[in-house]
C-alpha atoms as a PDB file:
ATOM      1  CA  MET A   1     -32.131  19.793  31.769  1.00  0.00           C
ATOM      2  CA  ARG A   2     -35.554  19.795  29.361  1.00  0.00           C
ATOM      3  CA  ARG A   3     -36.823  18.287  26.427  1.00  0.00           C
ATOM      4  CA  ARG A   4     -37.275  20.578  23.678  1.00  0.00           C
ATOM      5  CA  GLY A   5     -39.196  19.665  20.493  1.00  0.00           C
ATOM      6  CA  ARG A   6     -37.491  16.631  19.142  1.00  0.00           C
ATOM      7  CA  GLU A   7     -34.074  17.314  20.749  1.00  0.00           C
ATOM      8  CA  VAL A   8     -32.623  17.204  24.284  1.00  0.00           C
ATOM      9  CA  VAL A   9     -31.062  20.031  25.595  1.00  0.00           C
ATOM     10  CA  LEU A  10     -28.922  19.913  28.852  1.00  0.00           C
ATOM     11  CA  HIS A  11     -27.680  22.536  31.258  1.00  0.00           C
ATOM     12  CA  GLY A  12     -24.475  22.895  32.628  1.00  0.00           C
ATOM     13  CA  ASP A  13     -20.723  22.464  31.481  1.00  0.00           C
ATOM     14  CA  GLY A  14     -21.460  25.342  29.423  1.00  0.00           C
ATOM     15  CA  GLY A  15     -24.809  24.445  27.871  1.00  0.00           C
ATOM     16  CA  GLY A  16     -25.184  23.323  24.681  1.00  0.00           C
ATOM     17  CA  ARG A  17     -27.282  21.151  22.454  1.00  0.00           C
ATOM     18  CA  CYS A  18     -26.711  17.130  22.715  1.00  0.00           C
ATOM     19  CA  ARG A  19     -28.045  15.259  19.635  1.00  0.00           C
ATOM     20  CA  ALA A  20     -29.672  11.983  20.364  1.00  0.00           C
ATOM     21  CA  SER A  21     -26.849   9.736  20.835  1.00  0.00           C
ATOM     22  CA  ARG A  22     -24.972  11.789  23.278  1.00  0.00           C
ATOM     23  CA  ALA A  23     -28.380  11.761  25.170  1.00  0.00           C
ATOM     24  CA  LEU A  24     -28.832   8.093  24.881  1.00  0.00           C
ATOM     25  CA  ARG A  25     -25.392   7.424  25.997  1.00  0.00           C
ATOM     26  CA  GLN A  26     -25.377  10.081  29.064  1.00  0.00           C
ATOM     27  CA  ALA A  27     -29.139   8.097  29.733  1.00  0.00           C
ATOM     28  CA  HIS A  28     -27.589   4.534  29.946  1.00  0.00           C
ATOM     29  CA  SER A  29     -24.743   5.953  32.644  1.00  0.00           C
ATOM     30  CA  ARG A  30     -27.553   7.771  34.481  1.00  0.00           C
ATOM     31  CA  ARG A  31     -29.416   4.115  34.752  1.00  0.00           C
ATOM     32  CA  ALA A  32     -26.084   2.605  35.539  1.00  0.00           C
ATOM     33  CA  SER A  33     -25.333   4.949  38.150  1.00  0.00           C
ATOM     34  CA  LEU A  34     -28.565   4.956  39.782  1.00  0.00           C
ATOM     35  CA  GLY A  35     -29.089   1.317  39.898  1.00  0.00           C
ATOM     36  CA  GLY A  36     -32.811   2.115  38.472  1.00  0.00           C
ATOM     37  CA  PRO A  37     -34.132   2.806  34.948  1.00  0.00           C
ATOM     38  CA  GLY A  38     -33.259   6.113  34.614  1.00  0.00           C
ATOM     39  CA  LEU A  39     -34.720   8.763  33.198  1.00  0.00           C
ATOM     40  CA  ARG A  40     -36.549   8.392  29.664  1.00  0.00           C
ATOM     41  CA  LEU A  41     -35.254  11.087  27.867  1.00  0.00           C
ATOM     42  CA  LEU A  42     -36.411  10.452  24.205  1.00  0.00           C
ATOM     43  CA  SER A  43     -39.635  10.436  22.342  1.00  0.00           C
ATOM     44  CA  SER A  44     -40.610   7.204  19.993  1.00  0.00           C
ATOM     45  CA  ALA A  45     -39.593   9.395  16.954  1.00  0.00           C
ATOM     46  CA  ALA A  46     -36.205  10.342  18.624  1.00  0.00           C
ATOM     47  CA  LEU A  47     -35.302   6.849  19.037  1.00  0.00           C
ATOM     48  CA  GLY A  48     -36.184   5.984  15.344  1.00  0.00           C
ATOM     49  CA  ARG A  49     -33.601   8.579  14.370  1.00  0.00           C
ATOM     50  CA  VAL A  50     -31.157   7.128  16.369  1.00  0.00           C
ATOM     51  CA  ARG A  51     -31.797   3.507  14.914  1.00  0.00           C
ATOM     52  CA  GLU A  52     -31.777   5.108  11.404  1.00  0.00           C
ATOM     53  CA  ALA A  53     -28.370   6.936  11.961  1.00  0.00           C
ATOM     54  CA  GLN A  54     -27.192   3.278  13.450  1.00  0.00           C
ATOM     55  CA  ALA A  55     -28.292   1.360  10.418  1.00  0.00           C
ATOM     56  CA  PRO A  56     -25.312   2.094   8.031  1.00  0.00           C
ATOM     57  CA  ARG A  57     -22.994   0.676  10.805  1.00  0.00           C
ATOM     58  CA  ARG A  58     -25.367  -2.469  11.082  1.00  0.00           C
ATOM     59  CA  ARG A  59     -25.467  -2.976   7.404  1.00  0.00           C
ATOM     60  CA  ASP A  60     -21.465  -2.847   7.277  1.00  0.00           C
ATOM     61  CA  GLU A  61     -21.299  -5.497  10.175  1.00  0.00           C
ATOM     62  CA  ALA A  62     -24.059  -7.518   8.582  1.00  0.00           C
ATOM     63  CA  ARG A  63     -21.865  -7.463   5.054  1.00  0.00           C
ATOM     64  CA  GLN A  64     -18.564  -8.251   6.928  1.00  0.00           C
ATOM     65  CA  ARG A  65     -20.348 -11.349   8.318  1.00  0.00           C
ATOM     66  CA  ALA A  66     -21.691 -12.350   4.991  1.00  0.00           C
ATOM     67  CA  ALA A  67     -18.258 -11.777   3.477  1.00  0.00           C
ATOM     68  CA  ARG A  68     -16.597 -14.233   6.325  1.00  0.00           C
ATOM     69  CA  ALA A  69     -19.791 -16.737   5.715  1.00  0.00           C
ATOM     70  CA  LEU A  70     -18.758 -16.933   1.976  1.00  0.00           C
ATOM     71  CA  LEU A  71     -15.249 -17.668   2.871  1.00  0.00           C
ATOM     72  CA  THR A  72     -16.145 -20.171   5.229  1.00  0.00           C
ATOM     73  CA  GLY A  73     -19.123 -21.384   4.532  1.00  0.00           C
ATOM     74  CA  ALA A  74     -18.068 -24.467   2.203  1.00  0.00           C
ATOM     75  CA  LEU A  75     -14.792 -24.840   4.112  1.00  0.00           C
ATOM     76  CA  ASP A  76     -14.095 -26.854   7.366  1.00  0.00           C
ATOM     77  CA  VAL A  77     -11.032 -24.397   8.590  1.00  0.00           C
ATOM     78  CA  ALA A  78      -9.690 -25.438  12.018  1.00  0.00           C
ATOM     79  CA  PHE A  79      -6.690 -23.439  12.228  1.00  0.00           C
ATOM     80  CA  GLU A  80      -6.477 -20.968  14.696  1.00  0.00           C
ATOM     81  CA  PRO A  81      -3.388 -18.874  14.986  1.00  0.00           C
ATOM     82  CA  SER A  82      -1.507 -18.675  17.790  1.00  0.00           C
ATOM     83  CA  ASP A  83       0.499 -15.423  19.583  1.00  0.00           C
ATOM     84  CA  LYS A  84       3.895 -16.373  17.652  1.00  0.00           C
ATOM     85  CA  ILE A  85       5.413 -13.867  15.441  1.00  0.00           C
ATOM     86  CA  GLY A  86       7.673 -15.356  12.931  1.00  0.00           C
ATOM     87  CA  GLY A  87       8.673 -18.306  10.667  1.00  0.00           C
ATOM     88  CA  LEU A  88       6.453 -21.674  10.776  1.00  0.00           C
ATOM     89  CA  SER A  89       8.085 -24.707  12.092  1.00  0.00           C
ATOM     90  CA  GLU A  90       7.909 -27.743   9.993  1.00  0.00           C
ATOM     91  CA  GLY A  91       4.826 -28.866  12.515  1.00  0.00           C
ATOM     92  CA  GLU A  92       3.237 -25.780  11.778  1.00  0.00           C
ATOM     93  CA  LEU A  93       4.013 -25.622   8.279  1.00  0.00           C
ATOM     94  CA  ARG A  94       2.197 -29.217   7.715  1.00  0.00           C
ATOM     95  CA  ARG A  95      -0.776 -28.426  10.070  1.00  0.00           C
ATOM     96  CA  PHE A  96      -1.378 -24.976   8.288  1.00  0.00           C
ATOM     97  CA  LEU A  97      -1.176 -26.298   4.894  1.00  0.00           C
ATOM     98  CA  ALA A  98      -3.471 -29.194   5.360  1.00  0.00           C
ATOM     99  CA  GLU A  99      -6.600 -26.677   5.572  1.00  0.00           C
ATOM    100  CA  PRO A 100      -8.356 -26.041   2.608  1.00  0.00           C
ATOM    101  CA  TRP A 101      -7.090 -22.413   1.846  1.00  0.00           C
ATOM    102  CA  ASN A 102      -7.121 -21.264  -1.562  1.00  0.00           C
ATOM    103  CA  ALA A 103      -3.665 -21.150  -3.271  1.00  0.00           C
ATOM    104  CA  ARG A 104      -2.789 -18.385  -5.677  1.00  0.00           C
ATOM    105  CA  ILE A 105      -0.123 -19.851  -8.787  1.00  0.00           C
ATOM    106  CA  ALA A 106       1.812 -16.781 -10.456  1.00  0.00           C
ATOM    107  CA  THR A 107       2.899 -17.702 -14.038  1.00  0.00           C
ATOM    108  CA  VAL A 108       4.826 -15.738 -16.608  1.00  0.00           C
ATOM    109  CA  GLY A 109       2.868 -15.436 -19.587  1.00  0.00           C
ATOM    110  CA  PRO A 110       4.014 -13.847 -23.213  1.00  0.00           C
ATOM    111  CA  GLY A 111       5.988 -10.599 -22.982  1.00  0.00           C
ATOM    112  CA  GLY A 112       7.184 -11.378 -19.598  1.00  0.00           C
ATOM    113  CA  TRP A 113       3.786 -10.185 -17.919  1.00  0.00           C
ATOM    114  CA  PRO A 114       3.213 -11.881 -14.718  1.00  0.00           C
ATOM    115  CA  TYR A 115      -0.337 -13.906 -14.453  1.00  0.00           C
ATOM    116  CA  LEU A 116      -2.250 -14.972 -11.347  1.00  0.00           C
ATOM    117  CA  THR A 117      -4.574 -17.237 -10.567  1.00  0.00           C
ATOM    118  CA  PRO A 118      -6.334 -18.785  -7.613  1.00  0.00           C
ATOM    119  CA  VAL A 119      -6.090 -23.039  -7.240  1.00  0.00           C
ATOM    120  CA  TRP A 120      -7.032 -25.796  -5.045  1.00  0.00           C
ATOM    121  CA  TYR A 121      -4.203 -27.579  -3.923  1.00  0.00           C
ATOM    122  CA  GLU A 122      -2.911 -30.742  -2.315  1.00  0.00           C
ATOM    123  CA  PHE A 123       0.257 -30.654  -0.103  1.00  0.00           C
ATOM    124  CA  GLU A 124       2.529 -33.762  -0.600  1.00  0.00           C
ATOM    125  CA  ALA A 125       4.411 -33.668   2.679  1.00  0.00           C
ATOM    126  CA  GLU A 126       6.922 -36.558   2.254  1.00  0.00           C
ATOM    127  CA  ARG A 127       7.742 -34.846  -0.843  1.00  0.00           C
ATOM    128  CA  ARG A 128       7.517 -31.270   0.006  1.00  0.00           C
ATOM    129  CA  ALA A 129       5.628 -30.474  -3.183  1.00  0.00           C
ATOM    130  CA  PHE A 130       2.098 -29.398  -4.020  1.00  0.00           C
ATOM    131  CA  LEU A 131      -0.266 -31.174  -6.509  1.00  0.00           C
ATOM    132  CA  VAL A 132      -2.495 -28.580  -8.668  1.00  0.00           C
ATOM    133  CA  VAL A 133      -5.201 -29.930 -11.093  1.00  0.00           C
ATOM    134  CA  GLY A 134      -5.876 -27.195 -13.912  1.00  0.00           C
ATOM    135  CA  ARG A 135      -8.349 -27.116 -16.844  1.00  0.00           C
ATOM    136  CA  GLU A 136      -7.016 -28.508 -20.287  1.00  0.00           C
ATOM    137  CA  GLY A 137      -7.423 -24.892 -21.912  1.00  0.00           C
ATOM    138  CA  ALA A 138      -6.201 -22.952 -18.459  1.00  0.00           C
ATOM    139  CA  GLU A 139      -3.958 -20.352 -19.357  1.00  0.00           C
ATOM    140  CA  TRP A 140      -1.454 -20.881 -16.348  1.00  0.00           C
ATOM    141  CA  VAL A 141      -1.321 -24.254 -17.739  1.00  0.00           C
ATOM    142  CA  ARG A 142      -0.122 -23.176 -21.171  1.00  0.00           C
ATOM    143  CA  HIS A 143       2.094 -20.620 -19.388  1.00  0.00           C
ATOM    144  CA  ILE A 144       3.791 -23.301 -17.757  1.00  0.00           C
ATOM    145  CA  ARG A 145       4.606 -25.138 -20.709  1.00  0.00           C
ATOM    146  CA  GLU A 146       6.703 -22.543 -22.178  1.00  0.00           C
ATOM    147  CA  ALA A 147       7.959 -20.923 -18.772  1.00  0.00           C
ATOM    148  CA  PRO A 148       7.731 -23.523 -15.690  1.00  0.00           C
ATOM    149  CA  ARG A 149       8.968 -21.074 -13.090  1.00  0.00           C
ATOM    150  CA  VAL A 150       6.372 -20.446 -10.747  1.00  0.00           C
ATOM    151  CA  ALA A 151       5.093 -19.037  -7.519  1.00  0.00           C
ATOM    152  CA  LEU A 152       2.701 -20.483  -5.113  1.00  0.00           C
ATOM    153  CA  HIS A 153       1.326 -18.556  -2.518  1.00  0.00           C
ATOM    154  CA  VAL A 154      -0.939 -20.084   0.387  1.00  0.00           C
ATOM    155  CA  ALA A 155      -2.490 -17.443   3.263  1.00  0.00           C
ATOM    156  CA  ASP A 156      -4.987 -17.262   6.008  1.00  0.00           C
ATOM    157  CA  ASP A 157      -6.908 -14.386   4.600  1.00  0.00           C
ATOM    158  CA  LEU A 158      -9.452 -15.022   7.464  1.00  0.00           C
ATOM    159  CA  HIS A 159      -7.256 -13.565  10.542  1.00  0.00           C
ATOM    160  CA  ALA A 160      -5.181 -10.642  11.289  1.00  0.00           C
ATOM    161  CA  GLN A 161      -2.094 -12.583  11.841  1.00  0.00           C
ATOM    162  CA  HIS A 162      -2.108 -13.509   8.133  1.00  0.00           C
ATOM    163  CA  THR A 163      -0.430 -16.633   8.361  1.00  0.00           C
ATOM    164  CA  ARG A 164       1.009 -17.529   5.043  1.00  0.00           C
ATOM    165  CA  VAL A 165       3.302 -19.520   2.902  1.00  0.00           C
ATOM    166  CA  LEU A 166       4.817 -18.500  -0.351  1.00  0.00           C
ATOM    167  CA  VAL A 167       7.172 -20.658  -2.409  1.00  0.00           C
ATOM    168  CA  GLN A 168       9.341 -20.283  -5.851  1.00  0.00           C
ATOM    169  CA  GLY A 169       9.847 -23.392  -7.916  1.00  0.00           C
ATOM    170  CA  HIS A 170       8.894 -25.154 -11.104  1.00  0.00           C
ATOM    171  CA  ALA A 171       6.046 -26.808 -12.655  1.00  0.00           C
ATOM    172  CA  GLU A 172       6.026 -29.906 -13.588  1.00  0.00           C
ATOM    173  CA  LEU A 173       3.055 -31.399 -15.990  1.00  0.00           C
ATOM    174  CA  VAL A 174       2.483 -34.979 -14.275  1.00  0.00           C
ATOM    175  CA  GLU A 175      -0.318 -35.967 -16.461  1.00  0.00           C
ATOM    176  CA  GLY A 176      -2.958 -35.149 -18.951  1.00  0.00           C
ATOM    177  CA  PRO A 177      -4.881 -33.824 -20.615  1.00  0.00           C
ATOM    178  CA  VAL A 178      -6.954 -36.537 -19.414  1.00  0.00           C
ATOM    179  CA  ALA A 179     -10.409 -36.683 -17.825  1.00  0.00           C
ATOM    180  CA  PRO A 180     -10.711 -38.076 -14.231  1.00  0.00           C
ATOM    181  CA  ALA A 181     -13.217 -40.696 -15.432  1.00  0.00           C
ATOM    182  CA  ALA A 182     -10.334 -42.126 -17.573  1.00  0.00           C
ATOM    183  CA  SER A 183      -7.373 -41.839 -15.035  1.00  0.00           C
ATOM    184  CA  PRO A 184      -7.483 -43.476 -11.592  1.00  0.00           C
ATOM    185  CA  ARG A 185      -5.163 -41.185 -10.183  1.00  0.00           C
ATOM    186  CA  LEU A 186      -6.571 -38.102 -11.368  1.00  0.00           C
ATOM    187  CA  HIS A 187     -10.101 -39.515 -10.376  1.00  0.00           C
ATOM    188  CA  GLU A 188      -9.112 -39.814  -6.816  1.00  0.00           C
ATOM    189  CA  LEU A 189      -7.225 -36.544  -6.525  1.00  0.00           C
ATOM    190  CA  THR A 190     -10.402 -34.363  -7.905  1.00  0.00           C
ATOM    191  CA  ASP A 191     -12.419 -36.405  -5.233  1.00  0.00           C
ATOM    192  CA  ARG A 192     -10.426 -35.756  -2.597  1.00  0.00           C
ATOM    193  CA  LEU A 193      -9.977 -32.131  -3.558  1.00  0.00           C
ATOM    194  CA  SER A 194     -13.743 -31.577  -4.004  1.00  0.00           C
ATOM    195  CA  LEU A 195     -14.753 -32.883  -0.759  1.00  0.00           C
ATOM    196  CA  ARG A 196     -11.993 -30.808   0.977  1.00  0.00           C
ATOM    197  CA  TYR A 197     -13.158 -27.510  -0.960  1.00  0.00           C
ATOM    198  CA  LEU A 198     -16.867 -28.064  -1.112  1.00  0.00           C
ATOM    199  CA  GLY A 199     -17.665 -30.065   1.632  1.00  0.00           C
ATOM    200  CA  PRO A 200     -20.866 -31.899   1.252  1.00  0.00           C
ATOM    201  CA  ALA A 201     -21.232 -30.639  -2.097  1.00  0.00           C
ATOM    202  CA  GLY A 202     -18.114 -31.951  -3.351  1.00  0.00           C
ATOM    203  CA  PRO A 203     -19.087 -35.337  -4.629  1.00  0.00           C
ATOM    204  CA  ALA A 204     -21.842 -34.055  -6.901  1.00  0.00           C
ATOM    205  CA  TYR A 205     -19.598 -31.375  -8.231  1.00  0.00           C
ATOM    206  CA  ALA A 206     -16.826 -34.171  -9.211  1.00  0.00           C
ATOM    207  CA  ALA A 207     -19.243 -36.614 -10.662  1.00  0.00           C
ATOM    208  CA  ARG A 208     -20.595 -33.504 -12.634  1.00  0.00           C
ATOM    209  CA  THR A 209     -17.152 -32.976 -14.285  1.00  0.00           C
ATOM    210  CA  ALA A 210     -15.413 -36.150 -14.221  1.00  0.00           C
ATOM    211  CA  GLN A 211     -15.336 -36.211 -18.040  1.00  0.00           C
ATOM    212  CA  ARG A 212     -13.737 -33.220 -18.541  1.00  0.00           C
ATOM    213  CA  PRO A 213      -9.901 -32.926 -19.459  1.00  0.00           C
ATOM    214  CA  ARG A 214      -7.688 -31.841 -16.888  1.00  0.00           C
ATOM    215  CA  MET A 215      -3.848 -31.293 -16.490  1.00  0.00           C
ATOM    216  CA  LEU A 216      -2.231 -32.899 -13.221  1.00  0.00           C
ATOM    217  CA  VAL A 217       0.615 -30.217 -12.282  1.00  0.00           C
ATOM    218  CA  ARG A 218       3.340 -30.763  -9.535  1.00  0.00           C
ATOM    219  CA  VAL A 219       5.010 -27.562  -8.081  1.00  0.00           C
ATOM    220  CA  VAL A 220       8.414 -28.187  -6.561  1.00  0.00           C
ATOM    221  CA  PRO A 221       9.512 -25.577  -4.417  1.00  0.00           C
ATOM    222  CA  GLU A 222      13.098 -24.626  -4.395  1.00  0.00           C
ATOM    223  CA  ARG A 223      12.422 -21.280  -2.111  1.00  0.00           C
ATOM    224  CA  TRP A 224      10.290 -20.959   0.867  1.00  0.00           C
ATOM    225  CA  ARG A 225       9.082 -18.125   3.089  1.00  0.00           C
ATOM    226  CA  THR A 226       6.593 -18.480   5.789  1.00  0.00           C
ATOM    227  CA  TRP A 227       5.499 -15.846   8.493  1.00  0.00           C
ATOM    228  CA  THR A 228       3.009 -15.574  11.095  1.00  0.00           C
ATOM    229  CA  GLY A 229       1.931 -12.546  13.372  1.00  0.00           C
ATOM    230  CA  GLN A 230       1.293  -8.810  12.863  1.00  0.00           C
ATOM    231  CA  GLU A 231       4.467  -7.856  13.256  1.00  0.00           C
ATOM    232  CA  TRP A 232       7.120  -6.850  10.828  1.00  0.00           C
ATOM    233  CA  HIS A 233      10.217  -9.127  10.120  1.00  0.00           C
ATOM    234  CA  PRO A 234      13.343  -7.922  11.812  1.00  0.00           C
ATOM    235  CA  ARG A 235      14.988  -7.015   8.202  1.00  0.00           C
ATOM    236  CA  TYR A 236      12.374  -4.518   7.533  1.00  0.00           C
ATOM    237  CA  ARG A 237      12.178  -2.640  10.919  1.00  0.00           C
END
């Protein structure tokens, strides 16, 4: 083995040239096998090239960490999926829906086109229904006035098990349009939702928007589907 310019040339096993990354792996292996510092194979310039080659992967990892922070930064999510594969029990369902996941509500708009939007929700365990607050002029709110059939999807997008709940049912307009400041019931709910989803910043958001009219909607499920785990349901195998 000898060093030629900025490359490392290894003799044996057919010869040939190895780029810096392979030389580094062999150097690490030699250090481990000898129990000592091993050989210094690369110049500072070569080490610089190795770091430069690794930079895109480090940037990807940083972006992934940043994306996860955006998803979880304001949320106090304690849910950790188990090794279970299958539907959720009643207890598992309640524990899962107690977390501040974003829900997606699907409505049917003019011409039969589906419409999907993210919403905050509160699960009414005793009623087995979902409370959702919409802005007075929200398109999905206009849709349910004409076509109350909806679907609501709640999913854990943080873990590979992708635990999820999908319901189909009817949306009921419970109250509104009314500002939370004029409705004790809506005021309490918007306060809870703001704190649940925005954490310490929630109360300030609730106070800042307390005069803006909203609609209180209850989604009453008629069909439930739940699943957790990375294996397919038996009917798809």
